[in-house]
Structure formats: C-alpha cells, structure tokens
Amino acid sequence: YQVVIADLLAKADGGQARDTLHRLVGGDALISQQAGEKSISRLVAINQDLALQAKEDSVDTFNASMKRMLIISIAGLLLSIGLGFVITVNIRTPVEAMAKGLQNLRDGNLNWDVSEQVRENIIQRSDEMGIAGGGFHSTVQYLQEMAGFASRIASGDLTVQVTPRSENDELGIAFSKMVASLQDLILLIIQSTENLTS
C-alpha cells in the first residue's frame, strides 16, 4: 500500500495528475487499501484466535494445577494421619506398659505384667521412652533385689550382705543397718544367755 502511494505521489509530481487521480480513486490505491484491510482483518482474527487459545490453555493449566494441588493436599493429609497414628502407637505402647507397671508397684506387685518382648522393645529404644523404660526396669529390678533380701531376713537369714548402690541409696543403707543391728542383737542375746547359764 505504501509503495503504491509513493508511486502515485511520484507520478503526480511528474505531471501525470489525471492518471494519478484515476488510479487513486478506482485503481491501484483502492485495491491496495482493500488488500491492507483484508490483511488487518486476518491479523485481528489470528490474534483473536491466539487470545482464545491462550485463554483456553490458561484455564486448562489452572485446572491441572488445581487437580495437582488437590492430589498433593490429600496425599499430605493421608501422610499426616498415617504419621500421627504411627507416632501415637509408638508412644502409647511404652507409656501404657510403664503405667501398668507403676500401678502394680502401687499395689506391692514388683512385676511389669507385660511380655518380655514388649519390655525389651521399650528398654532398647534410643529415645526418651527408652531412657524412661530402662530406668523403670532398673528400679523394678532393684526393688525385687531388696524384696529378696527382706524375705531372707524375715526367714531368719542374717548372713545377708546388703551393699548399698551409692551413698544416696536410702533403702540399701537402711537394710544394711538393719542386718547389722539384728546381728548385734543376736550376739547380745547369745552373750546374755551364756552369762545366765554360767
């Protein structure tokens, strides 16, 4: 279109105004203008088609993203529920076992009343539950040992050697003093009996 206009202007400047006017009104310029309008219309249609396609693509992308987010959210929720269940069971089992053992201790029963496997699983853990379970197990063993000493003393065996585990072992120290006191008392009774018989 611009080439035709430039050519017409050159002819008009060259003295061919009538031919230029005729070409401008009904000839080449009109044909070029119509061709330019058709090209612009086609470009507009192509741009509209591309815009519509881009809109459809963005809707498809949005829908796909929403589906992925929904799937990820559901998977995350299921994973959270599963982990919560595992953690709950992982904590509940040792706590229940130790609570049962403590209730037994309260009643004077020095047994956990749980299977050996459960007891070993608790003791062998490397977390706080394992530390608590190991401490509880050691306490039960200590009390059972002291109960054994007490049973021997009650049956008259004063040869029991009770060695306190530390300077803070109040029960061990008390048992040791009790055995020594009973031994001294028996010696005193024997000496008194010998003095009376002589």
Protein backbone atom coordinates (compact mmCIF):
# COMPACT_ATOMS: atom_id res chain seq x y z
CA TYR A 1 0.00 0.00 0.00
CA GLN A 2 2.76 2.43 0.88
CA VAL A 3 4.65 1.52 -2.30
CA VAL A 4 1.58 2.29 -4.41
CA ILE A 5 1.03 5.64 -2.63
CA ALA A 6 4.69 6.57 -3.13
CA ASP A 7 4.45 5.68 -6.83
CA LEU A 8 1.26 7.77 -7.21
CA LEU A 9 2.87 10.76 -5.49
CA ALA A 10 5.87 10.46 -7.80
CA LYS A 11 3.62 10.43 -10.88
CA ALA A 12 1.62 13.39 -9.58
CA ASP A 13 4.84 15.32 -9.11
CA GLY A 14 5.88 14.27 -12.63
CA GLY A 15 2.84 15.91 -14.20
CA GLN A 16 0.56 12.94 -14.55
CA ALA A 17 -2.10 14.19 -12.11
CA ARG A 18 -5.11 12.89 -14.07
CA ASP A 19 -3.74 9.38 -14.35
CA THR A 20 -2.73 9.58 -10.70
CA LEU A 21 -6.25 10.67 -9.64
CA HIS A 22 -7.83 7.86 -11.66
CA ARG A 23 -5.51 5.29 -10.09
CA LEU A 24 -6.11 6.76 -6.64
CA VAL A 25 -9.92 6.68 -6.76
CA GLY A 26 -10.64 3.44 -8.56
CA GLY A 27 -7.44 1.72 -9.24
CA ASP A 28 -4.34 0.56 -7.54
CA ALA A 29 -4.74 2.59 -4.34
CA LEU A 30 -8.22 1.25 -3.71
CA ILE A 31 -7.11 -2.31 -4.43
CA SER A 32 -4.09 -1.85 -2.16
CA GLN A 33 -6.30 -0.33 0.57
CA GLN A 34 -8.74 -3.22 0.34
CA ALA A 35 -5.86 -5.72 0.43
CA GLY A 36 -4.43 -3.91 3.51
CA GLU A 37 -7.83 -4.03 5.25
CA LYS A 38 -8.15 -7.75 4.49
CA SER A 39 -4.67 -8.34 5.88
CA ILE A 40 -5.51 -6.36 9.01
CA SER A 41 -8.78 -8.25 9.39
CA ARG A 42 -6.92 -11.55 9.06
CA LEU A 43 -4.34 -10.41 11.63
CA VAL A 44 -7.13 -9.38 14.01
CA ALA A 45 -8.82 -12.77 13.52
CA ILE A 46 -5.50 -14.58 14.08
CA ASN A 47 -4.85 -12.50 17.23
CA GLN A 48 -8.36 -13.26 18.48
CA ASP A 49 -7.85 -16.97 17.80
CA LEU A 50 -4.49 -16.87 19.60
CA ALA A 51 -6.03 -14.99 22.53
CA LEU A 52 -8.85 -17.54 22.74
CA GLN A 53 -6.34 -20.41 22.57
CA ALA A 54 -4.20 -18.75 25.26
CA LYS A 55 -7.28 -18.33 27.43
CA GLU A 56 -8.22 -21.99 26.97
CA ASP A 57 -4.63 -23.04 27.69
CA SER A 58 -4.55 -20.95 30.85
CA VAL A 59 -7.87 -22.46 32.01
CA ASP A 60 -6.50 -25.95 31.29
CA THR A 61 -3.29 -25.11 33.15
CA PHE A 62 -5.27 -23.72 36.09
CA ASN A 63 -7.49 -26.80 36.22
CA ALA A 64 -4.48 -29.12 36.01
CA SER A 65 -2.75 -27.15 38.78
CA MET A 66 -5.85 -27.33 40.95
CA LYS A 67 -6.04 -31.10 40.44
CA ARG A 68 -2.36 -31.48 41.33
CA MET A 69 -2.80 -29.30 44.41
CA LEU A 70 -5.84 -31.32 45.46
CA ILE A 71 -3.97 -34.61 44.99
CA ILE A 72 -0.94 -33.26 46.89
CA SER A 73 -3.19 -31.96 49.68
CA ILE A 74 -4.99 -35.29 50.00
CA ALA A 75 -1.67 -37.17 49.95
CA GLY A 76 -0.28 -34.80 52.59
CA LEU A 77 -3.37 -35.27 54.74
CA LEU A 78 -3.16 -39.07 54.45
CA LEU A 79 0.57 -38.95 55.23
CA SER A 80 -0.11 -36.76 58.28
CA ILE A 81 -2.80 -39.13 59.51
CA GLY A 82 -0.52 -42.13 58.97
CA LEU A 83 2.42 -40.49 60.75
CA GLY A 84 0.14 -39.39 63.58
CA PHE A 85 -1.09 -42.95 64.00
CA VAL A 86 2.44 -44.40 63.95
CA ILE A 87 3.71 -41.81 66.44
CA THR A 88 0.72 -42.34 68.71
CA VAL A 89 1.20 -46.12 68.75
CA ASN A 90 4.95 -45.64 69.18
CA ILE A 91 4.39 -43.52 72.29
CA ARG A 92 1.25 -45.19 73.66
CA THR A 93 2.64 -48.73 73.92
CA PRO A 94 5.56 -47.93 76.25
CA VAL A 95 3.54 -45.45 78.28
CA GLU A 96 0.76 -48.00 78.82
CA ALA A 97 3.28 -50.68 79.81
CA MET A 98 5.04 -48.41 82.32
CA ALA A 99 1.70 -47.14 83.69
CA LYS A 100 0.61 -50.73 84.27
CA GLY A 101 3.94 -51.45 85.98
CA LEU A 102 3.54 -48.38 88.21
CA GLN A 103 0.03 -49.46 89.17
CA ASN A 104 1.45 -52.86 90.10
CA LEU A 105 4.16 -51.19 92.21
CA ARG A 106 1.49 -49.16 93.97
CA ASP A 107 -0.20 -52.44 94.93
CA GLY A 108 3.10 -54.03 96.02
CA ASN A 109 3.47 -56.20 92.90
CA LEU A 110 7.04 -55.92 91.62
CA ASN A 111 6.27 -57.15 88.07
CA TRP A 112 5.54 -55.18 84.90
CA ASP A 113 2.98 -57.76 83.75
CA VAL A 114 3.93 -57.17 80.10
CA SER A 115 5.52 -59.60 77.69
CA GLU A 116 9.30 -59.88 77.65
CA GLN A 117 9.33 -58.71 74.02
CA VAL A 118 7.42 -55.51 74.83
CA ARG A 119 9.71 -54.88 77.81
CA GLU A 120 12.86 -55.40 75.70
CA ASN A 121 11.49 -53.20 72.89
CA ILE A 122 10.94 -50.39 75.38
CA ILE A 123 14.34 -50.76 77.06
CA GLN A 124 16.25 -50.93 73.76
CA ARG A 125 14.78 -47.71 72.36
CA SER A 126 17.25 -44.86 71.97
CA ASP A 127 14.80 -42.05 72.71
CA GLU A 128 13.31 -40.66 75.91
CA MET A 129 10.86 -43.56 76.15
CA GLY A 130 13.82 -45.96 76.13
CA ILE A 131 15.55 -43.97 78.86
CA ALA A 132 12.37 -43.92 80.97
CA GLY A 133 11.74 -47.63 80.30
CA GLY A 134 15.33 -48.53 81.19
CA GLY A 135 15.08 -46.52 84.41
CA PHE A 136 11.79 -48.13 85.30
CA HIS A 137 13.18 -51.61 84.59
CA SER A 138 16.27 -50.91 86.76
CA THR A 139 14.02 -49.65 89.56
CA VAL A 140 11.87 -52.78 89.41
CA GLN A 141 14.98 -54.99 89.46
CA TYR A 142 16.36 -53.04 92.44
CA LEU A 143 13.07 -53.38 94.35
CA GLN A 144 12.95 -57.09 93.55
CA GLU A 145 16.51 -57.48 94.87
CA MET A 146 15.59 -55.62 98.07
CA ALA A 147 12.44 -57.73 98.42
CA GLY A 148 14.66 -60.83 98.13
CA PHE A 149 16.91 -59.53 100.93
CA ALA A 150 13.88 -58.72 103.07
CA SER A 151 12.46 -62.21 102.50
CA ARG A 152 15.75 -63.85 103.54
CA ILE A 153 15.99 -61.64 106.65
CA ALA A 154 12.35 -62.42 107.52
CA SER A 155 13.13 -66.14 107.34
CA GLY A 156 15.99 -65.64 109.83
CA ASP A 157 18.98 -65.49 107.48
CA LEU A 158 21.15 -62.74 108.96
CA THR A 159 24.16 -63.65 106.80
CA VAL A 160 22.70 -61.45 104.05
CA GLN A 161 25.21 -58.94 102.73
CA VAL A 162 23.29 -55.85 101.58
CA THR A 163 25.63 -53.46 99.77
CA PRO A 164 24.14 -50.02 99.09
CA ARG A 165 24.47 -48.98 95.44
CA SER A 166 25.52 -45.46 96.36
CA GLU A 167 25.69 -43.09 99.31
CA ASN A 168 22.17 -41.95 98.34
CA ASP A 169 20.73 -45.50 98.39
CA GLU A 170 18.43 -44.99 101.36
CA LEU A 171 16.77 -48.39 101.15
CA GLY A 172 20.09 -50.24 100.74
CA ILE A 173 21.66 -48.32 103.65
CA ALA A 174 18.61 -49.00 105.85
CA PHE A 175 18.71 -52.75 105.04
CA SER A 176 22.45 -52.86 105.73
CA LYS A 177 21.98 -51.12 109.11
CA MET A 178 19.02 -53.40 109.93
CA VAL A 179 21.05 -56.56 109.27
CA ALA A 180 23.96 -55.20 111.35
CA SER A 181 21.59 -54.23 114.19
CA LEU A 182 19.90 -57.64 114.14
CA GLN A 183 23.29 -59.38 114.13
CA ASP A 184 24.40 -57.25 117.12
CA LEU A 185 21.11 -58.01 118.86
CA ILE A 186 21.57 -61.77 118.33
CA LEU A 187 25.14 -61.54 119.68
CA LEU A 188 23.86 -59.65 122.70
CA ILE A 189 21.17 -62.29 123.30
CA ILE A 190 23.74 -65.09 122.96
CA GLN A 191 26.08 -63.35 125.40
CA SER A 192 23.23 -62.73 127.85
CA THR A 193 22.17 -66.35 127.61
CA GLU A 194 25.75 -67.52 128.22
CA ASN A 195 26.02 -65.19 131.26
CA LEU A 196 22.79 -66.58 132.67
CA THR A 197 23.84 -70.18 132.17
CA SER A 198 27.24 -69.70 133.79
